[in-house]
């Protein structure tokens, strides 16, 4: 097991759930692969960002654009206001 695998495993195991460990990698376009081999001890990254500003999030499949984030925030606010009424 490598240094970063051990470090990420320790950070994810912390009892402080208010500050979760979210791992983000930076890759070159030439490094993109459809599948990446891994072993049982490997700690997967939560997201990877590439130079063309495309991001991939293993939890969300992709990272929403700022416009999508704004639309989600607006919808959340509308739901909060309607539930307060």
C-alpha atoms as a PDB file:
ATOM      1  CA  UNK A   1       0.000   0.000   0.000  1.00  0.00           C
ATOM      2  CA  UNK A   2       1.382   3.373  -1.020  1.00  0.00           C
ATOM      3  CA  UNK A   3       1.758   6.550   1.042  1.00  0.00           C
ATOM      4  CA  UNK A   4      -1.337   8.277  -0.372  1.00  0.00           C
ATOM      5  CA  UNK A   5      -3.467   5.136  -0.040  1.00  0.00           C
ATOM      6  CA  UNK A   6      -2.552   4.929   3.663  1.00  0.00           C
ATOM      7  CA  UNK A   7      -3.082   8.661   4.203  1.00  0.00           C
ATOM      8  CA  UNK A   8      -6.493   8.749   2.483  1.00  0.00           C
ATOM      9  CA  UNK A   9      -7.603   5.628   4.355  1.00  0.00           C
ATOM     10  CA  UNK A  10      -6.667   7.295   7.702  1.00  0.00           C
ATOM     11  CA  UNK A  11      -8.436  10.538   6.786  1.00  0.00           C
ATOM     12  CA  UNK A  12     -11.617   8.734   5.722  1.00  0.00           C
ATOM     13  CA  UNK A  13     -11.626   6.721   8.945  1.00  0.00           C
ATOM     14  CA  UNK A  14     -11.573   9.816  11.199  1.00  0.00           C
ATOM     15  CA  UNK A  15     -14.563  10.148  13.506  1.00  0.00           C
ATOM     16  CA  UNK A  16     -14.899  13.856  12.612  1.00  0.00           C
ATOM     17  CA  UNK A  17     -17.733  13.500  10.090  1.00  0.00           C
ATOM     18  CA  UNK A  18     -18.218  17.298   9.999  1.00  0.00           C
ATOM     19  CA  UNK A  19     -15.046  17.512   7.899  1.00  0.00           C
ATOM     20  CA  UNK A  20     -15.126  14.572   5.461  1.00  0.00           C
ATOM     21  CA  UNK A  21     -12.117  13.776   3.336  1.00  0.00           C
ATOM     22  CA  UNK A  22     -12.950  14.551  -0.315  1.00  0.00           C
ATOM     23  CA  UNK A  23     -10.120  13.595  -2.668  1.00  0.00           C
ATOM     24  CA  UNK A  24      -9.563  15.378  -5.978  1.00  0.00           C
ATOM     25  CA  UNK A  25      -6.905  14.455  -8.531  1.00  0.00           C
ATOM     26  CA  UNK A  26      -5.505  16.509 -11.375  1.00  0.00           C
ATOM     27  CA  UNK A  27      -4.767  14.721 -14.630  1.00  0.00           C
ATOM     28  CA  UNK A  28      -3.515  15.453 -18.109  1.00  0.00           C
ATOM     29  CA  UNK A  29      -5.752  14.831 -21.115  1.00  0.00           C
ATOM     30  CA  UNK A  30      -3.273  12.178 -22.267  1.00  0.00           C
ATOM     31  CA  UNK A  31      -3.880  10.260 -19.012  1.00  0.00           C
ATOM     32  CA  UNK A  32      -7.628   9.727 -19.542  1.00  0.00           C
ATOM     33  CA  UNK A  33      -8.714   6.117 -19.581  1.00  0.00           C
ATOM     34  CA  UNK A  34     -12.122   4.449 -19.652  1.00  0.00           C
ATOM     35  CA  UNK A  35     -11.031   1.980 -16.992  1.00  0.00           C
ATOM     36  CA  UNK A  36      -8.149   2.120 -14.553  1.00  0.00           C
ATOM     37  CA  UNK A  37      -6.863  -1.077 -12.944  1.00  0.00           C
ATOM     38  CA  UNK A  38      -6.933  -1.047  -9.151  1.00  0.00           C
ATOM     39  CA  UNK A  39      -6.175  -3.397  -6.308  1.00  0.00           C
ATOM     40  CA  UNK A  40      -8.098  -3.999  -3.073  1.00  0.00           C
ATOM     41  CA  UNK A  41      -5.911  -1.602  -1.069  1.00  0.00           C
ATOM     42  CA  UNK A  42      -6.196   1.281  -3.575  1.00  0.00           C
ATOM     43  CA  UNK A  43      -8.149   4.312  -2.337  1.00  0.00           C
ATOM     44  CA  UNK A  44     -10.227   5.740  -5.184  1.00  0.00           C
ATOM     45  CA  UNK A  45     -10.328   9.488  -5.751  1.00  0.00           C
ATOM     46  CA  UNK A  46     -13.706  11.182  -5.459  1.00  0.00           C
ATOM     47  CA  UNK A  47     -13.077  13.415  -8.483  1.00  0.00           C
ATOM     48  CA  UNK A  48     -10.533  14.134 -11.214  1.00  0.00           C
ATOM     49  CA  UNK A  49     -10.091  17.467 -13.012  1.00  0.00           C
ATOM     50  CA  UNK A  50      -8.499  17.796 -16.448  1.00  0.00           C
ATOM     51  CA  UNK A  51      -6.911  20.856 -18.192  1.00  0.00           C
ATOM     52  CA  UNK A  52      -9.917  21.366 -20.461  1.00  0.00           C
ATOM     53  CA  UNK A  53     -11.870  22.123 -17.250  1.00  0.00           C
ATOM     54  CA  UNK A  54     -13.886  18.921 -17.530  1.00  0.00           C
ATOM     55  CA  UNK A  55     -14.348  17.278 -14.170  1.00  0.00           C
ATOM     56  CA  UNK A  56     -15.455  13.770 -13.294  1.00  0.00           C
ATOM     57  CA  UNK A  57     -16.883  12.864  -9.914  1.00  0.00           C
ATOM     58  CA  UNK A  58     -17.214   9.191  -9.049  1.00  0.00           C
ATOM     59  CA  UNK A  59     -20.156   9.921  -6.759  1.00  0.00           C
ATOM     60  CA  UNK A  60     -22.070  12.122  -9.210  1.00  0.00           C
ATOM     61  CA  UNK A  61     -20.671  10.763 -12.495  1.00  0.00           C
ATOM     62  CA  UNK A  62     -19.777  14.359 -13.417  1.00  0.00           C
ATOM     63  CA  UNK A  63     -19.543  17.691 -11.665  1.00  0.00           C
ATOM     64  CA  UNK A  64     -22.473  20.071 -12.330  1.00  0.00           C
ATOM     65  CA  UNK A  65     -21.768  23.345 -14.072  1.00  0.00           C
ATOM     66  CA  UNK A  66     -22.118  26.639 -12.154  1.00  0.00           C
ATOM     67  CA  UNK A  67     -25.441  27.166 -13.952  1.00  0.00           C
ATOM     68  CA  UNK A  68     -26.714  23.796 -12.724  1.00  0.00           C
ATOM     69  CA  UNK A  69     -25.511  24.600  -9.194  1.00  0.00           C
ATOM     70  CA  UNK A  70     -27.450  27.899  -9.302  1.00  0.00           C
ATOM     71  CA  UNK A  71     -30.609  26.154 -10.535  1.00  0.00           C
ATOM     72  CA  UNK A  72     -30.332  23.545  -7.772  1.00  0.00           C
ATOM     73  CA  UNK A  73     -29.806  26.260  -5.143  1.00  0.00           C
ATOM     74  CA  UNK A  74     -32.847  28.168  -6.449  1.00  0.00           C
ATOM     75  CA  UNK A  75     -34.995  25.022  -6.331  1.00  0.00           C
ATOM     76  CA  UNK A  76     -33.804  24.269  -2.773  1.00  0.00           C
ATOM     77  CA  UNK A  77     -34.704  27.816  -1.715  1.00  0.00           C
ATOM     78  CA  UNK A  78     -38.170  27.541  -3.289  1.00  0.00           C
ATOM     79  CA  UNK A  79     -38.780  24.245  -1.460  1.00  0.00           C
ATOM     80  CA  UNK A  80     -37.590  25.773   1.845  1.00  0.00           C
ATOM     81  CA  UNK A  81     -39.860  28.798   1.430  1.00  0.00           C
ATOM     82  CA  UNK A  82     -42.883  26.653   0.543  1.00  0.00           C
ATOM     83  CA  UNK A  83     -42.291  24.362   3.539  1.00  0.00           C
ATOM     84  CA  UNK A  84     -42.043  27.406   5.877  1.00  0.00           C
ATOM     85  CA  UNK A  85     -45.440  28.695   4.693  1.00  0.00           C
END
